[in-house]
N, C-alpha and C. Protein backbone atom coordinates (compact mmCIF):
# COMPACT_ATOMS: atom_id res chain seq x y z
N UNK A 1 29.65 4.54 -61.52
CA UNK A 1 28.82 3.87 -60.74
C UNK A 1 28.13 3.73 -61.97
N UNK A 2 27.84 2.09 -61.20
CA UNK A 2 26.49 1.01 -62.61
C UNK A 2 25.65 0.66 -61.36
N UNK A 3 24.52 1.17 -62.12
CA UNK A 3 23.08 0.73 -62.15
C UNK A 3 22.76 -0.79 -62.39
N UNK A 4 22.75 -1.98 -61.64
CA UNK A 4 22.35 -3.02 -62.30
C UNK A 4 20.91 -3.58 -62.69
N UNK A 5 20.39 -4.13 -63.67
CA UNK A 5 18.89 -4.34 -63.51
C UNK A 5 18.48 -5.75 -63.95
N UNK A 6 17.26 -6.00 -63.86
CA UNK A 6 17.11 -7.39 -64.57
C UNK A 6 17.11 -6.98 -66.22
N UNK A 7 17.35 -7.11 -67.15
CA UNK A 7 17.36 -7.21 -69.12
C UNK A 7 15.79 -6.90 -68.84
N UNK A 8 14.51 -7.44 -68.47
CA UNK A 8 13.20 -7.04 -68.41
C UNK A 8 12.92 -5.54 -68.26
N UNK A 9 13.74 -4.95 -67.12
CA UNK A 9 13.55 -3.82 -66.65
C UNK A 9 14.55 -2.77 -67.03
N UNK A 10 15.45 -3.57 -68.05
CA UNK A 10 16.68 -2.12 -68.57
C UNK A 10 15.91 -1.03 -70.08
N UNK A 11 15.12 -1.53 -70.48
CA UNK A 11 14.17 -0.20 -70.95
C UNK A 11 13.86 0.82 -70.68
N UNK A 12 12.51 0.17 -69.33
CA UNK A 12 12.44 1.24 -68.31
C UNK A 12 13.23 1.74 -67.74
N UNK A 13 13.99 1.33 -66.81
CA UNK A 13 15.24 1.88 -66.86
C UNK A 13 16.18 3.33 -67.63
N UNK A 14 16.39 2.95 -68.45
CA UNK A 14 16.88 3.86 -69.47
C UNK A 14 16.27 4.34 -70.19
N UNK A 15 14.76 4.91 -69.75
CA UNK A 15 14.03 5.74 -69.95
C UNK A 15 14.09 6.90 -69.32
N UNK A 16 13.28 6.43 -67.71
CA UNK A 16 13.70 6.97 -66.35
C UNK A 16 15.07 7.91 -66.27
N UNK A 17 15.30 7.44 -66.33
CA UNK A 17 17.38 7.80 -66.49
C UNK A 17 17.45 8.73 -67.55
N UNK A 18 17.12 9.29 -68.42
CA UNK A 18 16.75 9.46 -70.03
C UNK A 18 18.02 9.70 -70.11
N UNK A 19 18.82 8.27 -70.25
CA UNK A 19 19.88 7.11 -71.20
C UNK A 19 20.21 7.81 -72.70
N UNK A 20 20.60 8.11 -72.79
CA UNK A 20 20.83 8.42 -74.52
C UNK A 20 20.97 7.35 -76.02
N UNK A 21 21.83 6.49 -75.22
CA UNK A 21 22.57 6.24 -76.65
C UNK A 21 22.95 4.51 -75.37
N UNK A 22 22.03 3.58 -76.02
CA UNK A 22 22.16 2.09 -75.48
C UNK A 22 23.91 2.14 -76.31
N UNK A 23 23.60 0.14 -75.15
CA UNK A 23 24.86 -0.19 -76.58
C UNK A 23 24.71 -1.66 -76.46
N UNK A 24 25.46 -2.94 -77.13
CA UNK A 24 25.11 -3.74 -76.31
C UNK A 24 25.73 -4.70 -76.92
N UNK A 25 26.15 -5.87 -76.44
CA UNK A 25 27.76 -7.38 -77.02
C UNK A 25 27.40 -8.00 -76.95
N UNK A 26 28.02 -8.96 -77.23
CA UNK A 26 28.34 -9.61 -76.76
C UNK A 26 29.01 -10.16 -75.20
N UNK A 27 27.87 -10.90 -74.61
CA UNK A 27 29.35 -11.23 -72.92
C UNK A 27 28.63 -13.18 -72.27
N UNK A 28 29.47 -13.92 -72.49
CA UNK A 28 29.79 -15.10 -71.69
C UNK A 28 28.30 -15.47 -73.00
N UNK A 29 27.34 -16.64 -72.18
CA UNK A 29 26.10 -17.43 -73.53
C UNK A 29 25.01 -15.37 -74.01
N UNK A 30 25.34 -14.98 -73.72
CA UNK A 30 24.27 -14.04 -73.30
C UNK A 30 24.57 -12.91 -74.25
N UNK A 31 24.14 -11.66 -74.07
CA UNK A 31 24.03 -10.05 -74.48
C UNK A 31 24.70 -9.56 -73.35
N UNK A 32 25.18 -7.98 -73.04
CA UNK A 32 25.71 -7.10 -72.19
C UNK A 32 24.69 -6.02 -72.84
N UNK A 33 24.16 -5.57 -72.11
CA UNK A 33 23.82 -3.94 -73.24
C UNK A 33 23.90 -2.92 -71.74
N UNK A 34 24.14 -1.68 -71.90
CA UNK A 34 24.39 -0.14 -70.93
C UNK A 34 24.28 0.37 -71.72
N UNK A 35 24.02 1.68 -70.83
CA UNK A 35 23.58 2.85 -71.48
C UNK A 35 24.21 3.72 -70.22
N UNK A 36 24.80 5.16 -71.09
CA UNK A 36 25.55 5.80 -70.01
C UNK A 36 24.13 6.96 -69.55
N UNK A 37 24.12 7.32 -67.98
CA UNK A 37 23.51 8.23 -68.27
C UNK A 37 24.39 9.00 -66.75
N UNK A 38 23.50 10.43 -66.55
CA UNK A 38 24.61 11.66 -65.94
C UNK A 38 25.18 10.97 -64.58
N UNK A 39 24.21 10.15 -64.14
CA UNK A 39 25.00 9.75 -62.27
C UNK A 39 25.84 8.40 -62.82
N UNK A 40 26.06 7.69 -63.46
CA UNK A 40 26.32 6.89 -64.05
C UNK A 40 26.52 5.45 -65.10
N UNK A 41 26.39 4.27 -65.63
CA UNK A 41 26.09 3.86 -66.26
C UNK A 41 25.09 2.60 -66.26
N UNK A 42 23.79 2.10 -67.03
CA UNK A 42 22.92 1.21 -65.99
C UNK A 42 23.06 0.07 -66.88
N UNK A 43 23.15 -1.10 -67.05
CA UNK A 43 23.94 -2.49 -67.18
C UNK A 43 22.50 -3.57 -66.48
N UNK A 44 22.71 -4.27 -68.86
CA UNK A 44 21.63 -6.00 -67.52
C UNK A 44 22.55 -6.53 -68.32
N UNK A 45 21.62 -7.59 -68.48
CA UNK A 45 22.91 -8.96 -69.26
C UNK A 45 21.08 -9.79 -69.35
N UNK A 46 21.48 -10.17 -70.60
CA UNK A 46 20.23 -10.85 -71.27
C UNK A 46 20.61 -12.46 -72.25
N UNK A 47 19.51 -13.01 -71.71
CA UNK A 47 19.90 -14.10 -71.93
C UNK A 47 19.98 -14.61 -73.74
N UNK A 48 20.48 -15.27 -74.04
CA UNK A 48 20.90 -15.58 -75.08
C UNK A 48 21.05 -15.20 -76.56
N UNK A 49 20.54 -14.90 -77.25
CA UNK A 49 21.54 -14.43 -78.41
C UNK A 49 21.84 -12.65 -78.76
N UNK A 50 23.29 -12.74 -78.77
CA UNK A 50 22.88 -11.10 -78.88
C UNK A 50 21.37 -10.36 -80.12
N UNK A 51 21.25 -10.82 -81.07
CA UNK A 51 20.63 -10.63 -81.98
C UNK A 51 18.58 -10.39 -81.29
N UNK A 52 18.58 -11.14 -80.96
CA UNK A 52 17.03 -11.61 -80.17
C UNK A 52 16.97 -10.11 -78.71
N UNK A 53 18.28 -10.20 -78.05
CA UNK A 53 18.29 -8.42 -76.81
C UNK A 53 18.31 -7.79 -78.56
N UNK A 54 19.08 -8.00 -78.73
CA UNK A 54 18.38 -5.84 -80.44
C UNK A 54 16.94 -6.54 -80.74
N UNK A 55 16.73 -7.39 -80.99
CA UNK A 55 14.41 -7.07 -81.06
C UNK A 55 14.60 -6.36 -79.96
N UNK A 56 14.45 -7.60 -78.88
CA UNK A 56 13.39 -6.85 -78.00
C UNK A 56 14.06 -5.35 -77.35
N UNK A 57 14.71 -5.04 -77.53
CA UNK A 57 15.58 -3.46 -77.06
C UNK A 57 14.53 -2.52 -77.85
N UNK A 58 14.53 -3.43 -79.60
CA UNK A 58 14.16 -1.93 -80.41
C UNK A 58 13.27 -2.26 -80.00
N UNK A 59 12.02 -2.83 -80.32
CA UNK A 59 10.79 -3.20 -79.80
C UNK A 59 10.20 -2.28 -78.78
N UNK A 60 11.34 -2.14 -77.66
CA UNK A 60 10.72 -0.97 -76.49
C UNK A 60 11.42 0.49 -77.28
N UNK A 61 11.13 0.44 -78.29
CA UNK A 61 11.87 1.72 -78.91
C UNK A 61 12.88 2.63 -78.79
N UNK A 62 14.20 1.25 -78.20
CA UNK A 62 15.29 2.28 -77.98
C UNK A 62 16.39 1.71 -79.21
N UNK A 63 17.06 2.86 -79.17
CA UNK A 63 17.84 3.08 -80.14
C UNK A 63 19.06 2.07 -79.71
N UNK A 64 19.93 0.86 -80.24
CA UNK A 64 20.90 -0.09 -79.92
C UNK A 64 21.85 0.25 -81.18
N UNK A 65 23.01 0.30 -80.49
CA UNK A 65 24.36 0.52 -81.00
C UNK A 65 25.20 -0.47 -80.72
N UNK A 66 26.13 -1.29 -81.68
CA UNK A 66 27.17 -2.26 -81.27
C UNK A 66 28.14 -1.31 -80.02
N UNK A 67 29.08 -2.13 -79.16
CA UNK A 67 28.85 -2.07 -77.84
C UNK A 67 29.10 -1.73 -76.16
N UNK A 68 30.10 -1.41 -75.93
CA UNK A 68 29.86 -1.21 -74.49
C UNK A 68 30.54 -0.73 -73.29
N UNK A 69 29.59 0.19 -72.95
CA UNK A 69 29.99 1.36 -71.98
C UNK A 69 30.85 0.67 -70.43
N UNK A 70 32.34 1.07 -70.47
CA UNK A 70 33.02 0.42 -69.01
C UNK A 70 31.90 0.77 -67.83
N UNK A 71 31.94 -1.07 -67.45
CA UNK A 71 31.31 -1.06 -66.30
C UNK A 71 31.83 -2.45 -65.32
N UNK A 72 31.73 -2.03 -64.65
CA UNK A 72 32.20 -3.91 -63.38
C UNK A 72 31.57 -5.38 -64.14
N UNK A 73 32.05 -5.64 -64.87
CA UNK A 73 31.92 -6.86 -65.25
C UNK A 73 31.22 -7.83 -64.37
N UNK A 74 31.93 -7.43 -63.14
CA UNK A 74 32.39 -8.67 -61.97
C UNK A 74 31.14 -8.74 -61.04
N UNK A 75 30.34 -7.62 -61.08
CA UNK A 75 29.14 -7.33 -60.37
C UNK A 75 28.15 -7.21 -61.24
N UNK A 76 28.25 -7.40 -62.80
CA UNK A 76 26.95 -7.82 -63.37
C UNK A 76 26.81 -9.03 -63.54
N UNK A 77 26.48 -10.09 -63.00
CA UNK A 77 25.99 -11.36 -63.03
C UNK A 77 27.47 -12.39 -63.33
N UNK A 78 28.02 -11.62 -63.42
CA UNK A 78 29.32 -12.90 -62.97
C UNK A 78 29.80 -13.68 -61.96
N UNK A 79 29.84 -15.26 -62.29
CA UNK A 79 29.62 -15.76 -61.11
C UNK A 79 31.20 -15.91 -60.98
N UNK A 80 32.53 -15.51 -61.80
CA UNK A 80 34.10 -14.65 -60.65
C UNK A 80 34.15 -13.33 -61.69
N UNK A 81 35.67 -13.26 -61.09
CA UNK A 81 36.07 -12.16 -61.24
C UNK A 81 36.91 -12.09 -62.72
N UNK A 82 37.54 -11.15 -62.71
CA UNK A 82 38.28 -11.88 -64.27
C UNK A 82 39.43 -12.08 -63.43
N UNK A 83 39.96 -13.02 -65.11
CA UNK A 83 41.04 -14.18 -64.22
C UNK A 83 43.03 -13.47 -65.24
N UNK A 84 43.61 -13.78 -64.37
CA UNK A 84 45.12 -13.52 -64.81
C UNK A 84 45.31 -15.50 -65.15
N UNK A 85 45.74 -15.59 -66.50
CA UNK A 85 46.39 -16.79 -66.74
C UNK A 85 47.93 -16.47 -66.95
N UNK A 86 48.09 -17.46 -65.89
CA UNK A 86 49.71 -17.65 -66.68
C UNK A 86 50.52 -19.00 -67.43
N UNK A 87 51.15 -18.93 -68.32
CA UNK A 87 52.08 -19.94 -68.87
C UNK A 87 53.32 -20.09 -68.44
N UNK A 88 53.79 -20.55 -67.90
CA UNK A 88 55.56 -21.48 -68.10
C UNK A 88 55.43 -22.22 -69.12
N UNK A 89 56.74 -22.33 -69.93
CA UNK A 89 57.63 -22.95 -70.63
C UNK A 89 58.74 -23.71 -70.43
N UNK A 90 58.61 -24.95 -70.60
CA UNK A 90 60.20 -25.38 -70.11
C UNK A 90 60.48 -26.50 -70.32
N UNK A 91 61.94 -26.82 -70.55
CA UNK A 91 62.27 -28.65 -71.23
C UNK A 91 62.20 -29.34 -71.19
N UNK A 92 61.59 -29.80 -71.85
CA UNK A 92 60.91 -31.29 -70.98
C UNK A 92 61.43 -32.36 -71.60
N UNK A 93 61.64 -34.24 -71.34
CA UNK A 93 62.47 -35.36 -71.60
C UNK A 93 61.90 -35.30 -73.11
N UNK A 94 60.38 -34.73 -73.24
CA UNK A 94 59.91 -35.62 -74.05
C UNK A 94 59.66 -35.53 -75.50
N UNK A 95 61.19 -34.30 -75.63
CA UNK A 95 61.28 -33.65 -76.77
C UNK A 95 60.80 -32.76 -77.52
N UNK A 96 60.16 -32.23 -76.26
CA UNK A 96 59.12 -30.83 -77.18
C UNK A 96 59.15 -29.49 -75.89
N UNK A 97 59.02 -28.75 -75.53
CA UNK A 97 58.77 -27.69 -74.43
C UNK A 97 57.32 -28.04 -73.80
N UNK A 98 58.09 -27.81 -72.11
CA UNK A 98 56.73 -28.63 -71.80
C UNK A 98 56.00 -26.92 -71.20
N UNK A 99 54.42 -27.34 -71.18
CA UNK A 99 53.86 -26.07 -70.63
C UNK A 99 52.96 -26.30 -69.45
N UNK A 100 53.36 -25.45 -68.75
CA UNK A 100 52.35 -25.32 -67.11
C UNK A 100 51.42 -23.94 -67.67
N UNK A 101 50.13 -24.32 -67.02
CA UNK A 101 48.93 -23.08 -67.29
C UNK A 101 48.70 -23.38 -65.82
N UNK A 102 48.23 -22.18 -65.04
CA UNK A 102 47.33 -21.63 -64.16
C UNK A 102 46.64 -20.79 -64.23
N UNK A 103 45.68 -19.98 -63.69
CA UNK A 103 44.38 -18.50 -63.20
C UNK A 103 44.76 -18.46 -62.25
N UNK A 104 44.49 -17.20 -62.27
CA UNK A 104 44.49 -16.17 -60.79
C UNK A 104 43.52 -15.38 -60.45
N UNK A 105 43.04 -15.17 -60.06
CA UNK A 105 41.89 -13.86 -60.16
C UNK A 105 42.67 -12.66 -59.26
N UNK A 106 43.95 -12.69 -58.78
CA UNK A 106 44.66 -10.92 -59.31
C UNK A 106 45.58 -11.49 -59.54
N UNK A 107 46.22 -10.68 -60.28
CA UNK A 107 47.69 -10.48 -60.99
C UNK A 107 48.85 -11.14 -60.18
N UNK A 108 49.64 -12.43 -60.68
CA UNK A 108 50.63 -12.56 -59.77
C UNK A 108 51.81 -12.65 -60.28
N UNK A 109 52.93 -12.84 -59.64
CA UNK A 109 54.13 -12.15 -59.90
C UNK A 109 54.84 -13.42 -60.67
N UNK A 110 55.75 -13.37 -60.89
CA UNK A 110 56.37 -14.27 -61.36
C UNK A 110 56.75 -15.88 -60.44
N UNK A 111 57.69 -15.36 -59.74
CA UNK A 111 57.87 -16.11 -58.16
C UNK A 111 56.54 -16.66 -57.88
N UNK A 112 55.12 -16.45 -57.88
CA UNK A 112 54.49 -17.01 -57.13
C UNK A 112 54.06 -18.11 -58.43
N UNK A 113 53.85 -17.54 -59.89
CA UNK A 113 53.70 -18.60 -60.13
C UNK A 113 54.66 -19.48 -60.41
N UNK A 114 55.75 -19.42 -60.65
CA UNK A 114 56.72 -20.81 -60.65
C UNK A 114 56.81 -21.13 -59.41
N UNK A 115 56.47 -20.70 -58.39
CA UNK A 115 56.28 -21.63 -56.90
C UNK A 115 55.28 -22.71 -56.96
N UNK A 116 53.91 -22.71 -57.16
CA UNK A 116 52.77 -22.74 -57.60
C UNK A 116 53.42 -23.65 -58.82
N UNK A 117 53.99 -23.68 -59.80
CA UNK A 117 54.65 -24.74 -60.73
C UNK A 117 55.34 -26.09 -59.78
N UNK A 118 56.12 -25.14 -59.70
CA UNK A 118 57.14 -25.96 -58.76
C UNK A 118 56.24 -27.31 -57.38
N UNK A 119 55.48 -25.86 -56.58
CA UNK A 119 54.88 -27.04 -55.53
C UNK A 119 54.25 -27.83 -56.50
N UNK A 120 53.60 -27.88 -57.05
CA UNK A 120 52.59 -28.82 -58.07
C UNK A 120 53.50 -29.98 -58.68
N UNK A 121 54.83 -29.95 -59.21
CA UNK A 121 55.40 -30.64 -59.59
C UNK A 121 55.59 -32.17 -59.00
N UNK A 122 55.81 -31.00 -57.51
CA UNK A 122 56.61 -31.53 -56.23
C UNK A 122 55.55 -32.24 -56.04
N UNK A 123 54.17 -32.01 -56.10
CA UNK A 123 53.20 -32.78 -54.98
C UNK A 123 52.50 -34.47 -55.79
N UNK A 124 53.18 -34.54 -57.06
CA UNK A 124 52.73 -34.81 -57.89
C UNK A 124 53.11 -36.39 -58.27
N UNK A 125 54.64 -35.56 -58.02
CA UNK A 125 55.52 -36.32 -58.59
C UNK A 125 56.47 -36.15 -59.90
N UNK A 126 56.66 -34.98 -60.46
CA UNK A 126 56.97 -34.86 -61.75
C UNK A 126 58.07 -34.46 -61.73
N UNK A 127 58.53 -34.07 -60.37
CA UNK A 127 60.27 -33.96 -59.48
C UNK A 127 60.28 -34.01 -58.93
N UNK A 128 61.32 -33.82 -58.16
CA UNK A 128 61.76 -34.76 -56.89
C UNK A 128 61.85 -33.06 -55.94
N UNK A 129 62.04 -33.24 -55.15
CA UNK A 129 61.78 -32.10 -54.27
C UNK A 129 63.22 -31.42 -54.11
N UNK A 130 64.08 -31.12 -54.48
CA UNK A 130 65.39 -30.74 -54.66
C UNK A 130 65.63 -29.17 -54.69
N UNK A 131 64.39 -28.24 -53.77
CA UNK A 131 64.59 -27.21 -53.60
C UNK A 131 64.44 -26.29 -54.34
N UNK A 132 63.39 -25.43 -54.39
CA UNK A 132 62.71 -24.30 -55.52
C UNK A 132 64.06 -23.32 -55.76
N UNK A 133 64.71 -23.19 -55.50
CA UNK A 133 65.70 -22.32 -56.51
C UNK A 133 66.92 -23.35 -57.33
N UNK A 134 67.42 -23.98 -57.13
CA UNK A 134 67.89 -25.60 -57.88
C UNK A 134 67.64 -25.85 -59.16
N UNK A 135 66.21 -25.96 -58.13
CA UNK A 135 64.86 -26.62 -59.47
C UNK A 135 64.50 -26.26 -60.85
N UNK A 136 64.49 -24.47 -60.49
CA UNK A 136 64.73 -22.89 -61.06
C UNK A 136 65.40 -23.40 -62.01
N UNK A 137 67.45 -23.81 -61.83
CA UNK A 137 68.54 -23.26 -62.33
C UNK A 137 68.04 -24.48 -63.24
N UNK A 138 67.66 -25.59 -63.35
CA UNK A 138 67.59 -26.99 -63.99
C UNK A 138 66.43 -26.97 -64.72
N UNK A 139 66.04 -26.18 -64.29
CA UNK A 139 64.44 -26.39 -65.47
C UNK A 139 64.71 -24.75 -66.45
N UNK A 140 65.08 -24.02 -66.02
CA UNK A 140 65.16 -22.38 -66.51
C UNK A 140 63.66 -21.81 -67.44
N UNK A 141 62.66 -22.17 -67.10
CA UNK A 141 61.56 -21.55 -67.07
C UNK A 141 61.36 -20.42 -68.15
N UNK A 142 60.47 -19.93 -68.95
CA UNK A 142 59.46 -18.91 -68.81
C UNK A 142 58.96 -19.01 -68.93
N UNK A 143 58.38 -17.39 -67.78
CA UNK A 143 56.95 -17.40 -67.45
C UNK A 143 56.31 -15.39 -68.36
N UNK A 144 55.30 -16.25 -68.59
CA UNK A 144 54.42 -15.13 -69.24
C UNK A 144 52.98 -15.12 -68.79
N UNK A 145 52.25 -14.26 -67.74
CA UNK A 145 51.14 -13.88 -67.18
C UNK A 145 50.58 -12.50 -68.07
N UNK A 146 49.10 -13.29 -69.01
CA UNK A 146 48.11 -12.35 -69.46
C UNK A 146 47.36 -12.36 -68.29
N UNK A 147 46.78 -10.70 -68.77
CA UNK A 147 45.91 -10.18 -67.57
C UNK A 147 44.55 -10.45 -68.40
N UNK A 148 43.42 -9.94 -67.62
CA UNK A 148 41.91 -10.04 -68.27
C UNK A 148 41.82 -9.19 -69.49
N UNK A 149 42.11 -8.04 -69.26
CA UNK A 149 41.80 -6.85 -70.17
C UNK A 149 42.46 -8.32 -72.05
N UNK A 150 43.72 -8.42 -71.10
CA UNK A 150 44.88 -8.79 -72.77
C UNK A 150 44.05 -9.78 -72.99
N UNK A 151 43.68 -10.44 -72.41
CA UNK A 151 42.30 -11.73 -72.68
C UNK A 151 41.18 -11.74 -73.28
N UNK A 152 40.63 -10.48 -73.61
CA UNK A 152 39.09 -9.77 -73.62
C UNK A 152 39.56 -9.47 -75.39
N UNK A 153 41.26 -8.78 -75.38
CA UNK A 153 41.35 -8.44 -76.54
C UNK A 153 41.86 -9.35 -77.71
N UNK A 154 41.91 -9.97 -77.23
CA UNK A 154 42.50 -12.10 -78.20
C UNK A 154 41.65 -12.09 -78.46
N UNK A 155 41.06 -12.68 -77.97
CA UNK A 155 39.37 -13.06 -78.24
C UNK A 155 38.27 -12.00 -79.16
N UNK A 156 38.24 -10.74 -78.95
CA UNK A 156 37.56 -9.79 -79.60
C UNK A 156 38.32 -9.35 -81.28
N UNK A 157 39.86 -9.96 -80.79
CA UNK A 157 40.36 -10.02 -82.01
C UNK A 157 40.02 -10.83 -83.15
N UNK A 158 39.82 -11.99 -82.40
CA UNK A 158 39.28 -13.48 -83.99
C UNK A 158 38.00 -13.38 -84.19
N UNK A 159 37.28 -12.03 -83.36
CA UNK A 159 35.72 -12.05 -83.57
C UNK A 159 36.34 -10.75 -85.01
N UNK A 160 36.81 -10.07 -85.43
CA UNK A 160 37.55 -8.88 -86.24
C UNK A 160 37.63 -9.83 -87.53
N UNK A 161 38.59 -10.63 -87.07
CA UNK A 161 38.11 -11.09 -88.91
C UNK A 161 39.85 -11.53 -88.69
N UNK A 162 41.04 -11.40 -87.39
CA UNK A 162 42.18 -11.33 -87.88
C UNK A 162 43.14 -12.45 -87.32
């Protein structure tokens, strides 16, 4: 269970629930502060730099560590759910592979991704309406779907110098 509070109330909430360890991590254009207590996790979004949030929490007498407790971030100030990204690679007439990319709020199947691509191509005039199955045989597309946790992992790996 996640208790969400404004950042200005985070320190007092941590003390009230006797949470021992506070963690801070970058989140969007701010920072996510989390602390575990017997009943769950308390979380708050801080605007601005992570360093500024760390200083404010330290000034409140809290010991802050790098990291975060797992929380449902779609509920902690996030305007949208985590996204799955789908990419389709296909041969094109331009001498290099074509790439089509889309995003989904739930895990799509390969068939859903390919159907969305086909429908868009027909609608925009990029291909004639030859039928879905013949289109797939002609194009021989390759589909990759990347889950939200994998996207986060890729982004974090960049921060670790990989």
